[in-house]
C-alpha atoms as a PDB file:
ATOM      1  CA  UNK A   1      65.227  36.967  98.791  1.00  0.00           C
ATOM      2  CA  UNK A   2      65.229  40.199  96.786  1.00  0.00           C
ATOM      3  CA  UNK A   3      68.243  41.719  95.071  1.00  0.00           C
ATOM      4  CA  UNK A   4      71.423  40.286  93.619  1.00  0.00           C
ATOM      5  CA  UNK A   5      74.471  38.634  95.144  1.00  0.00           C
ATOM      6  CA  UNK A   6      77.552  40.837  95.405  1.00  0.00           C
ATOM      7  CA  UNK A   7      81.090  40.197  96.657  1.00  0.00           C
ATOM      8  CA  UNK A   8      81.837  42.451  99.617  1.00  0.00           C
ATOM      9  CA  UNK A   9      85.023  42.910 101.648  1.00  0.00           C
ATOM     10  CA  UNK A  10      84.089  42.343 105.289  1.00  0.00           C
ATOM     11  CA  UNK A  11      87.527  42.090 106.877  1.00  0.00           C
ATOM     12  CA  UNK A  12      91.133  43.064 106.180  1.00  0.00           C
ATOM     13  CA  UNK A  13      94.518  42.174 107.600  1.00  0.00           C
ATOM     14  CA  UNK A  14      98.201  42.805 106.943  1.00  0.00           C
ATOM     15  CA  UNK A  15     101.682  41.998 108.151  1.00  0.00           C
ATOM     16  CA  UNK A  16     104.408  44.601 107.795  1.00  0.00           C
ATOM     17  CA  UNK A  17     107.777  42.998 108.615  1.00  0.00           C
ATOM     18  CA  UNK A  18     109.770  44.460 111.493  1.00  0.00           C
ATOM     19  CA  UNK A  19     113.181  44.688 109.797  1.00  0.00           C
ATOM     20  CA  UNK A  20     113.638  48.245 108.530  1.00  0.00           C
ATOM     21  CA  UNK A  21     116.090  48.686 105.637  1.00  0.00           C
ATOM     22  CA  UNK A  22     116.979  52.251 104.658  1.00  0.00           C
ATOM     23  CA  UNK A  23     118.553  53.400 101.402  1.00  0.00           C
ATOM     24  CA  UNK A  24     121.832  54.116 103.149  1.00  0.00           C
ATOM     25  CA  UNK A  25     122.065  50.423 104.044  1.00  0.00           C
ATOM     26  CA  UNK A  26     122.910  49.833 100.354  1.00  0.00           C
ATOM     27  CA  UNK A  27     126.004  52.027 100.502  1.00  0.00           C
ATOM     28  CA  UNK A  28     128.113  48.940 101.193  1.00  0.00           C
ATOM     29  CA  UNK A  29     126.768  46.966  98.200  1.00  0.00           C
ATOM     30  CA  UNK A  30     128.836  46.357  95.088  1.00  0.00           C
ATOM     31  CA  UNK A  31     126.621  47.124  92.093  1.00  0.00           C
ATOM     32  CA  UNK A  32     127.257  45.676  88.634  1.00  0.00           C
ATOM     33  CA  UNK A  33     125.822  46.429  85.202  1.00  0.00           C
ATOM     34  CA  UNK A  34     123.952  43.889  83.071  1.00  0.00           C
ATOM     35  CA  UNK A  35     127.188  43.010  81.236  1.00  0.00           C
ATOM     36  CA  UNK A  36     128.890  42.038  84.486  1.00  0.00           C
ATOM     37  CA  UNK A  37     131.115  45.097  84.796  1.00  0.00           C
ATOM     38  CA  UNK A  38     131.256  46.905  88.106  1.00  0.00           C
ATOM     39  CA  UNK A  39     129.500  50.265  88.067  1.00  0.00           C
ATOM     40  CA  UNK A  40     131.890  53.194  88.218  1.00  0.00           C
ATOM     41  CA  UNK A  41     129.374  55.533  89.823  1.00  0.00           C
ATOM     42  CA  UNK A  42     129.638  56.157  93.542  1.00  0.00           C
ATOM     43  CA  UNK A  43     126.969  54.285  95.544  1.00  0.00           C
ATOM     44  CA  UNK A  44     125.644  57.512  97.043  1.00  0.00           C
ATOM     45  CA  UNK A  45     125.035  58.833  93.531  1.00  0.00           C
ATOM     46  CA  UNK A  46     123.266  55.580  92.590  1.00  0.00           C
ATOM     47  CA  UNK A  47     121.059  55.730  95.682  1.00  0.00           C
ATOM     48  CA  UNK A  48     120.213  59.415  95.212  1.00  0.00           C
ATOM     49  CA  UNK A  49     119.137  58.757  91.618  1.00  0.00           C
ATOM     50  CA  UNK A  50     117.124  55.735  92.740  1.00  0.00           C
ATOM     51  CA  UNK A  51     115.236  57.835  95.307  1.00  0.00           C
ATOM     52  CA  UNK A  52     114.532  60.520  92.730  1.00  0.00           C
ATOM     53  CA  UNK A  53     113.063  58.011  90.273  1.00  0.00           C
ATOM     54  CA  UNK A  54     111.150  55.705  92.619  1.00  0.00           C
ATOM     55  CA  UNK A  55     110.437  57.862  95.758  1.00  0.00           C
ATOM     56  CA  UNK A  56     111.559  54.886  97.905  1.00  0.00           C
ATOM     57  CA  UNK A  57     113.696  55.767 100.936  1.00  0.00           C
ATOM     58  CA  UNK A  58     113.132  52.612 103.026  1.00  0.00           C
ATOM     59  CA  UNK A  59     111.504  49.184 102.900  1.00  0.00           C
ATOM     60  CA  UNK A  60     110.742  46.200 105.158  1.00  0.00           C
ATOM     61  CA  UNK A  61     112.279  42.723 105.173  1.00  0.00           C
ATOM     62  CA  UNK A  62     111.273  39.588 107.043  1.00  0.00           C
ATOM     63  CA  UNK A  63     113.520  38.312 109.822  1.00  0.00           C
ATOM     64  CA  UNK A  64     115.707  35.258 109.227  1.00  0.00           C
ATOM     65  CA  UNK A  65     113.273  32.909 110.992  1.00  0.00           C
ATOM     66  CA  UNK A  66     110.275  33.870 108.826  1.00  0.00           C
ATOM     67  CA  UNK A  67     109.117  32.762 105.392  1.00  0.00           C
ATOM     68  CA  UNK A  68     106.238  33.685 103.083  1.00  0.00           C
ATOM     69  CA  UNK A  69     103.760  31.338 104.746  1.00  0.00           C
ATOM     70  CA  UNK A  70     104.427  32.802 108.196  1.00  0.00           C
ATOM     71  CA  UNK A  71     103.670  36.386 107.252  1.00  0.00           C
ATOM     72  CA  UNK A  72     100.622  35.309 105.203  1.00  0.00           C
ATOM     73  CA  UNK A  73      99.262  33.508 108.257  1.00  0.00           C
ATOM     74  CA  UNK A  74      99.588  36.658 110.388  1.00  0.00           C
ATOM     75  CA  UNK A  75      97.663  38.693 107.801  1.00  0.00           C
ATOM     76  CA  UNK A  76      95.021  35.974 107.477  1.00  0.00           C
ATOM     77  CA  UNK A  77      94.424  35.809 111.237  1.00  0.00           C
ATOM     78  CA  UNK A  78      93.927  39.569 111.334  1.00  0.00           C
ATOM     79  CA  UNK A  79      91.482  39.493 108.401  1.00  0.00           C
ATOM     80  CA  UNK A  80      89.405  36.691 109.948  1.00  0.00           C
ATOM     81  CA  UNK A  81      89.182  38.564 113.244  1.00  0.00           C
ATOM     82  CA  UNK A  82      88.323  41.780 111.424  1.00  0.00           C
ATOM     83  CA  UNK A  83      85.443  40.068 109.575  1.00  0.00           C
ATOM     84  CA  UNK A  84      84.289  38.316 112.776  1.00  0.00           C
ATOM     85  CA  UNK A  85      83.675  35.023 110.988  1.00  0.00           C
ATOM     86  CA  UNK A  86      84.176  31.376 111.851  1.00  0.00           C
ATOM     87  CA  UNK A  87      87.251  30.210 109.928  1.00  0.00           C
ATOM     88  CA  UNK A  88      85.543  26.845 109.354  1.00  0.00           C
ATOM     89  CA  UNK A  89      82.999  28.613 107.146  1.00  0.00           C
ATOM     90  CA  UNK A  90      85.615  29.601 104.565  1.00  0.00           C
ATOM     91  CA  UNK A  91      84.784  28.061 101.190  1.00  0.00           C
ATOM     92  CA  UNK A  92      88.101  28.989  99.583  1.00  0.00           C
ATOM     93  CA  UNK A  93      91.556  30.143 100.595  1.00  0.00           C
ATOM     94  CA  UNK A  94      93.300  31.694  97.597  1.00  0.00           C
ATOM     95  CA  UNK A  95      96.948  32.609  98.101  1.00  0.00           C
ATOM     96  CA  UNK A  96      98.593  34.887  95.530  1.00  0.00           C
ATOM     97  CA  UNK A  97     102.405  34.765  95.569  1.00  0.00           C
ATOM     98  CA  UNK A  98     105.211  34.374  93.050  1.00  0.00           C
ATOM     99  CA  UNK A  99     108.218  32.652  94.583  1.00  0.00           C
ATOM    100  CA  UNK A 100     106.912  30.135  97.108  1.00  0.00           C
ATOM    101  CA  UNK A 101     107.966  29.909 100.731  1.00  0.00           C
ATOM    102  CA  UNK A 102     111.405  31.479 100.278  1.00  0.00           C
ATOM    103  CA  UNK A 103     113.494  30.557 103.322  1.00  0.00           C
ATOM    104  CA  UNK A 104     116.604  32.276 104.626  1.00  0.00           C
ATOM    105  CA  UNK A 105     118.956  29.308 104.290  1.00  0.00           C
ATOM    106  CA  UNK A 106     117.523  27.748 101.124  1.00  0.00           C
ATOM    107  CA  UNK A 107     116.377  29.723  98.083  1.00  0.00           C
ATOM    108  CA  UNK A 108     115.210  26.614  96.239  1.00  0.00           C
ATOM    109  CA  UNK A 109     111.639  26.868  94.935  1.00  0.00           C
ATOM    110  CA  UNK A 110     109.325  25.609  97.666  1.00  0.00           C
ATOM    111  CA  UNK A 111     105.677  25.370  96.574  1.00  0.00           C
ATOM    112  CA  UNK A 112     104.681  21.825  97.592  1.00  0.00           C
ATOM    113  CA  UNK A 113     102.371  21.601  99.407  1.00  0.00           C
ATOM    114  CA  UNK A 114     100.717  24.799  98.227  1.00  0.00           C
ATOM    115  CA  UNK A 115     101.218  27.840 100.432  1.00  0.00           C
ATOM    116  CA  UNK A 116      97.438  28.140 100.737  1.00  0.00           C
ATOM    117  CA  UNK A 117      97.352  24.616 102.161  1.00  0.00           C
ATOM    118  CA  UNK A 118     100.081  25.549 104.655  1.00  0.00           C
ATOM    119  CA  UNK A 119      98.119  28.604 105.803  1.00  0.00           C
ATOM    120  CA  UNK A 120      94.982  26.468 106.160  1.00  0.00           C
ATOM    121  CA  UNK A 121      97.031  24.082 108.312  1.00  0.00           C
ATOM    122  CA  UNK A 122      98.368  26.938 110.443  1.00  0.00           C
ATOM    123  CA  UNK A 123      94.828  28.247 110.889  1.00  0.00           C
ATOM    124  CA  UNK A 124      93.834  24.730 112.065  1.00  0.00           C
ATOM    125  CA  UNK A 125      90.854  24.608 109.724  1.00  0.00           C
ATOM    126  CA  UNK A 126      89.341  21.115 109.706  1.00  0.00           C
ATOM    127  CA  UNK A 127      86.671  21.677 107.026  1.00  0.00           C
ATOM    128  CA  UNK A 128      87.686  19.562 103.967  1.00  0.00           C
ATOM    129  CA  UNK A 129      85.486  21.718 101.727  1.00  0.00           C
ATOM    130  CA  UNK A 130      87.529  24.811 102.477  1.00  0.00           C
ATOM    131  CA  UNK A 131      89.474  24.605  99.214  1.00  0.00           C
ATOM    132  CA  UNK A 132      93.026  25.978  99.312  1.00  0.00           C
ATOM    133  CA  UNK A 133      95.078  26.817  96.242  1.00  0.00           C
ATOM    134  CA  UNK A 134      97.796  29.203  95.024  1.00  0.00           C
ATOM    135  CA  UNK A 135      97.740  31.791  92.254  1.00  0.00           C
ATOM    136  CA  UNK A 136     101.003  33.003  90.653  1.00  0.00           C
ATOM    137  CA  UNK A 137     100.238  35.997  88.413  1.00  0.00           C
ATOM    138  CA  UNK A 138     102.995  38.474  89.146  1.00  0.00           C
ATOM    139  CA  UNK A 139     102.284  41.618  91.152  1.00  0.00           C
ATOM    140  CA  UNK A 140      98.627  41.672  89.979  1.00  0.00           C
ATOM    141  CA  UNK A 141      98.161  38.240  91.591  1.00  0.00           C
ATOM    142  CA  UNK A 142      96.216  39.366  94.666  1.00  0.00           C
ATOM    143  CA  UNK A 143      93.780  41.412  92.605  1.00  0.00           C
ATOM    144  CA  UNK A 144      93.370  38.511  90.167  1.00  0.00           C
ATOM    145  CA  UNK A 145      92.613  36.256  93.141  1.00  0.00           C
ATOM    146  CA  UNK A 146      89.898  38.722  94.201  1.00  0.00           C
ATOM    147  CA  UNK A 147      88.489  38.545  90.665  1.00  0.00           C
ATOM    148  CA  UNK A 148      88.437  34.740  90.818  1.00  0.00           C
ATOM    149  CA  UNK A 149      86.805  34.878  94.237  1.00  0.00           C
ATOM    150  CA  UNK A 150      84.144  37.192  92.847  1.00  0.00           C
ATOM    151  CA  UNK A 151      83.314  34.620  90.171  1.00  0.00           C
ATOM    152  CA  UNK A 152      82.958  31.887  92.809  1.00  0.00           C
ATOM    153  CA  UNK A 153      80.620  34.068  94.868  1.00  0.00           C
ATOM    154  CA  UNK A 154      78.564  35.312  91.917  1.00  0.00           C
ATOM    155  CA  UNK A 155      78.062  31.708  90.772  1.00  0.00           C
ATOM    156  CA  UNK A 156      76.624  30.786  94.156  1.00  0.00           C
ATOM    157  CA  UNK A 157      79.417  28.281  94.765  1.00  0.00           C
ATOM    158  CA  UNK A 158      80.917  30.201  97.707  1.00  0.00           C
ATOM    159  CA  UNK A 159      79.863  32.599 100.446  1.00  0.00           C
ATOM    160  CA  UNK A 160      83.099  33.339 102.292  1.00  0.00           C
ATOM    161  CA  UNK A 161      86.598  33.454 100.791  1.00  0.00           C
ATOM    162  CA  UNK A 162      89.980  34.335 102.264  1.00  0.00           C
ATOM    163  CA  UNK A 163      92.188  36.071  99.680  1.00  0.00           C
ATOM    164  CA  UNK A 164      95.868  36.466 100.603  1.00  0.00           C
ATOM    165  CA  UNK A 165      98.746  38.231  98.891  1.00  0.00           C
ATOM    166  CA  UNK A 166     102.257  37.696 100.261  1.00  0.00           C
ATOM    167  CA  UNK A 167     105.795  37.648  98.909  1.00  0.00           C
ATOM    168  CA  UNK A 168     109.348  37.689 100.244  1.00  0.00           C
ATOM    169  CA  UNK A 169     111.241  39.511  97.513  1.00  0.00           C
ATOM    170  CA  UNK A 170     114.285  40.347  99.617  1.00  0.00           C
ATOM    171  CA  UNK A 171     115.581  36.782  99.196  1.00  0.00           C
ATOM    172  CA  UNK A 172     115.245  36.560  95.424  1.00  0.00           C
ATOM    173  CA  UNK A 173     116.773  39.954  94.605  1.00  0.00           C
ATOM    174  CA  UNK A 174     120.371  40.204  93.424  1.00  0.00           C
ATOM    175  CA  UNK A 175     122.370  42.341  95.905  1.00  0.00           C
ATOM    176  CA  UNK A 176     124.599  43.381  92.980  1.00  0.00           C
ATOM    177  CA  UNK A 177     121.652  44.703  90.950  1.00  0.00           C
ATOM    178  CA  UNK A 178     120.405  48.264  91.533  1.00  0.00           C
ATOM    179  CA  UNK A 179     116.841  46.976  91.150  1.00  0.00           C
ATOM    180  CA  UNK A 180     117.274  45.100  94.443  1.00  0.00           C
ATOM    181  CA  UNK A 181     116.538  48.390  96.205  1.00  0.00           C
ATOM    182  CA  UNK A 182     112.989  48.275  94.838  1.00  0.00           C
ATOM    183  CA  UNK A 183     111.939  45.070  96.497  1.00  0.00           C
ATOM    184  CA  UNK A 184     110.360  44.494  99.891  1.00  0.00           C
ATOM    185  CA  UNK A 185     108.463  41.849 101.844  1.00  0.00           C
ATOM    186  CA  UNK A 186     104.911  41.893 103.142  1.00  0.00           C
ATOM    187  CA  UNK A 187     101.510  40.231 103.395  1.00  0.00           C
ATOM    188  CA  UNK A 188      97.919  41.396 103.106  1.00  0.00           C
ATOM    189  CA  UNK A 189      94.583  39.584 103.241  1.00  0.00           C
ATOM    190  CA  UNK A 190      90.847  40.153 102.985  1.00  0.00           C
ATOM    191  CA  UNK A 191      87.651  38.241 103.627  1.00  0.00           C
ATOM    192  CA  UNK A 192      85.274  38.464 100.668  1.00  0.00           C
ATOM    193  CA  UNK A 193      81.668  37.538 101.455  1.00  0.00           C
ATOM    194  CA  UNK A 194      78.445  37.113  99.496  1.00  0.00           C
ATOM    195  CA  UNK A 195      75.944  39.839 100.309  1.00  0.00           C
ATOM    196  CA  UNK A 196      72.434  40.249  98.929  1.00  0.00           C
ATOM    197  CA  UNK A 197      71.581  43.792  97.895  1.00  0.00           C
ATOM    198  CA  UNK A 198      68.979  45.584  95.790  1.00  0.00           C
ATOM    199  CA  UNK A 199      71.581  48.211  94.881  1.00  0.00           C
ATOM    200  CA  UNK A 200      75.053  47.412  93.507  1.00  0.00           C
ATOM    201  CA  UNK A 201      77.728  47.109  96.224  1.00  0.00           C
ATOM    202  CA  UNK A 202      81.141  45.510  96.553  1.00  0.00           C
ATOM    203  CA  UNK A 203      82.783  44.316  93.346  1.00  0.00           C
ATOM    204  CA  UNK A 204      81.024  46.036  90.432  1.00  0.00           C
ATOM    205  CA  UNK A 205      83.265  45.193  87.474  1.00  0.00           C
ATOM    206  CA  UNK A 206      86.783  44.183  86.545  1.00  0.00           C
ATOM    207  CA  UNK A 207      89.101  43.840  83.573  1.00  0.00           C
ATOM    208  CA  UNK A 208      92.272  41.787  83.034  1.00  0.00           C
ATOM    209  CA  UNK A 209      94.761  41.567  80.172  1.00  0.00           C
ATOM    210  CA  UNK A 210      97.934  39.558  79.470  1.00  0.00           C
ATOM    211  CA  UNK A 211     100.240  40.869  76.756  1.00  0.00           C
ATOM    212  CA  UNK A 212     102.410  37.774  76.450  1.00  0.00           C
ATOM    213  CA  UNK A 213     103.464  38.025  72.813  1.00  0.00           C
ATOM    214  CA  UNK A 214     105.468  41.240  73.192  1.00  0.00           C
ATOM    215  CA  UNK A 215     106.102  41.530  76.918  1.00  0.00           C
ATOM    216  CA  UNK A 216     106.406  38.071  78.492  1.00  0.00           C
ATOM    217  CA  UNK A 217     110.197  38.354  78.890  1.00  0.00           C
ATOM    218  CA  UNK A 218     110.413  41.649  80.777  1.00  0.00           C
ATOM    219  CA  UNK A 219     110.695  39.750  84.065  1.00  0.00           C
ATOM    220  CA  UNK A 220     112.774  36.605  84.348  1.00  0.00           C
ATOM    221  CA  UNK A 221     115.008  34.632  86.681  1.00  0.00           C
ATOM    222  CA  UNK A 222     118.713  34.978  85.964  1.00  0.00           C
ATOM    223  CA  UNK A 223     122.165  34.772  87.490  1.00  0.00           C
ATOM    224  CA  UNK A 224     123.725  37.556  89.513  1.00  0.00           C
ATOM    225  CA  UNK A 225     125.332  40.444  87.649  1.00  0.00           C
ATOM    226  CA  UNK A 226     128.403  39.591  89.718  1.00  0.00           C
ATOM    227  CA  UNK A 227     129.864  36.600  87.870  1.00  0.00           C
ATOM    228  CA  UNK A 228     131.440  35.291  91.082  1.00  0.00           C
ATOM    229  CA  UNK A 229     127.931  34.340  92.244  1.00  0.00           C
ATOM    230  CA  UNK A 230     126.884  31.917  89.508  1.00  0.00           C
ATOM    231  CA  UNK A 231     124.820  29.483  91.584  1.00  0.00           C
ATOM    232  CA  UNK A 232     121.650  31.238  92.711  1.00  0.00           C
ATOM    233  CA  UNK A 233     118.995  32.674  90.416  1.00  0.00           C
ATOM    234  CA  UNK A 234     117.567  36.125  91.072  1.00  0.00           C
ATOM    235  CA  UNK A 235     114.654  38.198  89.822  1.00  0.00           C
ATOM    236  CA  UNK A 236     115.653  40.313  86.821  1.00  0.00           C
ATOM    237  CA  UNK A 237     113.681  43.057  85.140  1.00  0.00           C
ATOM    238  CA  UNK A 238     113.690  45.170  82.010  1.00  0.00           C
ATOM    239  CA  UNK A 239     112.556  48.176  83.976  1.00  0.00           C
ATOM    240  CA  UNK A 240     112.489  50.704  81.143  1.00  0.00           C
ATOM    241  CA  UNK A 241     110.207  48.619  78.910  1.00  0.00           C
ATOM    242  CA  UNK A 242     107.974  47.674  81.839  1.00  0.00           C
ATOM    243  CA  UNK A 243     107.639  51.351  82.749  1.00  0.00           C
ATOM    244  CA  UNK A 244     106.556  52.205  79.202  1.00  0.00           C
ATOM    245  CA  UNK A 245     104.181  49.224  79.009  1.00  0.00           C
ATOM    246  CA  UNK A 246     102.472  50.331  82.227  1.00  0.00           C
ATOM    247  CA  UNK A 247     102.090  53.941  81.089  1.00  0.00           C
ATOM    248  CA  UNK A 248     100.617  52.895  77.753  1.00  0.00           C
ATOM    249  CA  UNK A 249      98.160  50.280  79.003  1.00  0.00           C
ATOM    250  CA  UNK A 250      97.186  50.620  82.696  1.00  0.00           C
ATOM    251  CA  UNK A 251      95.141  53.835  82.253  1.00  0.00           C
ATOM    252  CA  UNK A 252      93.044  52.260  79.484  1.00  0.00           C
ATOM    253  CA  UNK A 253      92.508  49.058  81.508  1.00  0.00           C
ATOM    254  CA  UNK A 254      91.189  51.159  84.379  1.00  0.00           C
ATOM    255  CA  UNK A 255      88.912  53.110  82.033  1.00  0.00           C
ATOM    256  CA  UNK A 256      87.628  49.844  80.550  1.00  0.00           C
ATOM    257  CA  UNK A 257      86.601  48.614  83.999  1.00  0.00           C
ATOM    258  CA  UNK A 258      84.939  51.958  84.749  1.00  0.00           C
ATOM    259  CA  UNK A 259      82.974  51.767  81.510  1.00  0.00           C
ATOM    260  CA  UNK A 260      81.981  48.185  82.303  1.00  0.00           C
ATOM    261  CA  UNK A 261      80.586  49.317  85.679  1.00  0.00           C
ATOM    262  CA  UNK A 262      78.951  52.430  84.191  1.00  0.00           C
ATOM    263  CA  UNK A 263      81.105  54.636  86.420  1.00  0.00           C
ATOM    264  CA  UNK A 264      82.773  57.959  85.599  1.00  0.00           C
ATOM    265  CA  UNK A 265      86.225  58.779  86.899  1.00  0.00           C
ATOM    266  CA  UNK A 266      84.795  61.855  88.645  1.00  0.00           C
ATOM    267  CA  UNK A 267      82.820  59.554  90.953  1.00  0.00           C
ATOM    268  CA  UNK A 268      85.922  57.661  92.139  1.00  0.00           C
ATOM    269  CA  UNK A 269      87.059  58.540  95.673  1.00  0.00           C
ATOM    270  CA  UNK A 270      90.304  56.557  95.759  1.00  0.00           C
ATOM    271  CA  UNK A 271      92.609  54.833  93.299  1.00  0.00           C
ATOM    272  CA  UNK A 272      94.432  52.004  95.077  1.00  0.00           C
ATOM    273  CA  UNK A 273      97.223  50.994  92.731  1.00  0.00           C
ATOM    274  CA  UNK A 274     100.097  48.541  92.922  1.00  0.00           C
ATOM    275  CA  UNK A 275     103.252  50.468  93.729  1.00  0.00           C
ATOM    276  CA  UNK A 276     106.499  49.514  92.036  1.00  0.00           C
ATOM    277  CA  UNK A 277     107.629  53.049  91.295  1.00  0.00           C
ATOM    278  CA  UNK A 278     106.154  56.220  92.759  1.00  0.00           C
ATOM    279  CA  UNK A 279     106.880  58.395  89.730  1.00  0.00           C
ATOM    280  CA  UNK A 280     105.393  55.766  87.409  1.00  0.00           C
ATOM    281  CA  UNK A 281     102.143  55.678  89.388  1.00  0.00           C
ATOM    282  CA  UNK A 282     101.919  59.471  89.250  1.00  0.00           C
ATOM    283  CA  UNK A 283     102.292  59.307  85.472  1.00  0.00           C
ATOM    284  CA  UNK A 284      99.686  56.536  85.195  1.00  0.00           C
ATOM    285  CA  UNK A 285      97.201  58.616  87.182  1.00  0.00           C
ATOM    286  CA  UNK A 286      97.747  61.675  84.980  1.00  0.00           C
ATOM    287  CA  UNK A 287      97.244  59.599  81.831  1.00  0.00           C
ATOM    288  CA  UNK A 288      94.083  58.044  83.298  1.00  0.00           C
ATOM    289  CA  UNK A 289      92.488  61.426  83.899  1.00  0.00           C
ATOM    290  CA  UNK A 290      93.730  62.640  80.528  1.00  0.00           C
ATOM    291  CA  UNK A 291      91.557  59.940  78.930  1.00  0.00           C
ATOM    292  CA  UNK A 292      88.635  61.963  80.322  1.00  0.00           C
ATOM    293  CA  UNK A 293      90.177  65.303  79.293  1.00  0.00           C
ATOM    294  CA  UNK A 294      90.809  66.168  82.955  1.00  0.00           C
ATOM    295  CA  UNK A 295      94.089  67.943  83.700  1.00  0.00           C
ATOM    296  CA  UNK A 296      93.564  68.863  87.360  1.00  0.00           C
ATOM    297  CA  UNK A 297      93.735  65.765  89.556  1.00  0.00           C
ATOM    298  CA  UNK A 298      91.678  65.469  92.758  1.00  0.00           C
ATOM    299  CA  UNK A 299      93.656  65.901  95.960  1.00  0.00           C
ATOM    300  CA  UNK A 300      94.632  62.719  97.847  1.00  0.00           C
ATOM    301  CA  UNK A 301      92.993  60.503  95.225  1.00  0.00           C
ATOM    302  CA  UNK A 302      95.878  57.985  95.158  1.00  0.00           C
ATOM    303  CA  UNK A 303      97.224  56.924  98.591  1.00  0.00           C
ATOM    304  CA  UNK A 304     100.876  55.869  98.479  1.00  0.00           C
ATOM    305  CA  UNK A 305     103.006  53.662 100.718  1.00  0.00           C
ATOM    306  CA  UNK A 306     105.921  52.819  98.423  1.00  0.00           C
ATOM    307  CA  UNK A 307     108.230  55.469  99.908  1.00  0.00           C
ATOM    308  CA  UNK A 308     108.418  53.590 103.229  1.00  0.00           C
ATOM    309  CA  UNK A 309     107.244  50.058 102.348  1.00  0.00           C
ATOM    310  CA  UNK A 310     108.922  49.586  98.959  1.00  0.00           C
ATOM    311  CA  UNK A 311     107.502  47.223  96.349  1.00  0.00           C
ATOM    312  CA  UNK A 312     105.950  44.318  98.241  1.00  0.00           C
ATOM    313  CA  UNK A 313     104.388  42.820  95.093  1.00  0.00           C
ATOM    314  CA  UNK A 314     101.026  41.104  95.724  1.00  0.00           C
ATOM    315  CA  UNK A 315     100.891  42.478  99.278  1.00  0.00           C
ATOM    316  CA  UNK A 316     100.818  46.132  98.216  1.00  0.00           C
ATOM    317  CA  UNK A 317      97.104  46.723  97.578  1.00  0.00           C
ATOM    318  CA  UNK A 318      95.628  44.673 100.478  1.00  0.00           C
ATOM    319  CA  UNK A 319      98.138  46.269 102.865  1.00  0.00           C
ATOM    320  CA  UNK A 320      97.199  49.717 101.558  1.00  0.00           C
ATOM    321  CA  UNK A 321      93.486  48.991 101.958  1.00  0.00           C
ATOM    322  CA  UNK A 322      93.932  47.708 105.508  1.00  0.00           C
ATOM    323  CA  UNK A 323      95.960  50.763 106.548  1.00  0.00           C
ATOM    324  CA  UNK A 324      93.266  53.139 105.276  1.00  0.00           C
ATOM    325  CA  UNK A 325      90.287  51.249 106.693  1.00  0.00           C
ATOM    326  CA  UNK A 326      91.971  51.076 110.104  1.00  0.00           C
ATOM    327  CA  UNK A 327      92.793  54.807 110.011  1.00  0.00           C
ATOM    328  CA  UNK A 328      96.558  54.267 109.885  1.00  0.00           C
ATOM    329  CA  UNK A 329      97.285  56.227 106.716  1.00  0.00           C
ATOM    330  CA  UNK A 330      96.074  59.741 107.456  1.00  0.00           C
ATOM    331  CA  UNK A 331      94.578  61.840 105.974  1.00  0.00           C
ATOM    332  CA  UNK A 332      93.103  59.093 103.775  1.00  0.00           C
ATOM    333  CA  UNK A 333      89.663  57.729 104.648  1.00  0.00           C
ATOM    334  CA  UNK A 334      87.221  55.409 102.930  1.00  0.00           C
ATOM    335  CA  UNK A 335      83.537  55.804 103.768  1.00  0.00           C
ATOM    336  CA  UNK A 336      80.397  53.794 103.126  1.00  0.00           C
ATOM    337  CA  UNK A 337      79.205  54.323  99.559  1.00  0.00           C
ATOM    338  CA  UNK A 338      82.608  55.414  98.249  1.00  0.00           C
ATOM    339  CA  UNK A 339      83.612  54.153  94.829  1.00  0.00           C
ATOM    340  CA  UNK A 340      87.173  52.781  94.579  1.00  0.00           C
ATOM    341  CA  UNK A 341      89.420  51.604  91.786  1.00  0.00           C
ATOM    342  CA  UNK A 342      91.971  48.835  92.357  1.00  0.00           C
ATOM    343  CA  UNK A 343      94.643  48.423  89.680  1.00  0.00           C
ATOM    344  CA  UNK A 344      97.873  46.510  89.195  1.00  0.00           C
ATOM    345  CA  UNK A 345     100.538  45.780  86.617  1.00  0.00           C
ATOM    346  CA  UNK A 346     103.344  43.259  86.794  1.00  0.00           C
ATOM    347  CA  UNK A 347     104.990  40.010  85.706  1.00  0.00           C
ATOM    348  CA  UNK A 348     106.057  42.110  82.740  1.00  0.00           C
ATOM    349  CA  UNK A 349     102.775  41.471  80.918  1.00  0.00           C
ATOM    350  CA  UNK A 350      99.704  41.376  83.182  1.00  0.00           C
ATOM    351  CA  UNK A 351      97.316  44.207  84.048  1.00  0.00           C
ATOM    352  CA  UNK A 352      94.062  44.175  85.959  1.00  0.00           C
ATOM    353  CA  UNK A 353      91.625  46.723  87.325  1.00  0.00           C
ATOM    354  CA  UNK A 354      88.521  46.476  89.491  1.00  0.00           C
ATOM    355  CA  UNK A 355      85.750  48.905  90.494  1.00  0.00           C
ATOM    356  CA  UNK A 356      84.392  48.555  94.035  1.00  0.00           C
ATOM    357  CA  UNK A 357      81.629  50.280  96.015  1.00  0.00           C
ATOM    358  CA  UNK A 358      81.951  50.335  99.801  1.00  0.00           C
END
């Protein structure tokens, strides 16, 4: 057989939860500062400032009867159907998440058995050589799972891999913390397959970095800012430092992956980036093009969903990709031969980027 083996996305799926939560739904919250004192600002003022900074006006939450595994299963089913494959042929199921199967009535960490194993069970896959495992890597987890899957395929060890990203952040966010308005729930999945080609297709190159020495404590689990709730632990974030870290390092990580694939930024049709803050992503894009001395950005180069889906962590990029490929995010389109960049930052310290040819 002529050519080389490449990792190609052959199917996509997503699950966008049905519970719509608008910014005005936070008007009734009591917000506290990091020192435990109640904020003196009016909630409407807090929400207006939040919208201005993040561009988020609504997000989606799971219903009380759902957990992370449920929504991942729905996305996986859709991806398998989209790829038109036999689920028994899957060599790996890699599930990127960060907080386990967070249930409505019990926020205790629930990761045994692995969520990937639970999805495999729900899919009723009997093949014992369909290996299922989880990958916690912060918001870049799904993209890192794709990178791992690419290694499996390039090595010849696998031909078909299901890569899932799902999180339920609504249940680990402190309702007394303004940052709780950032978080959302969701699931996305792809099928990555080995394809033989004489010309480069699919995954062309990728780059990952972990800046643990300086930035490993920007995200952590801590008690509520309201001292009356001292039992549960919630996700906490040093948002200002994380914002600066992303601006300083994501553009270069993307450029590094472009250099590795011998691709110029001018040839990129879409930048699919993890979305934690709309204004931050705009700034990252400007800095990326500035590395090439380009000041005028291409129109519609970076599709965005954060304004209405919020920050759904590992689900953001696969959900975004599925929406575009299924013509549900107009005017954005992705055509055969297009060059894409995937990029993500999160967990306070991790960044990855990947170059892909359709």
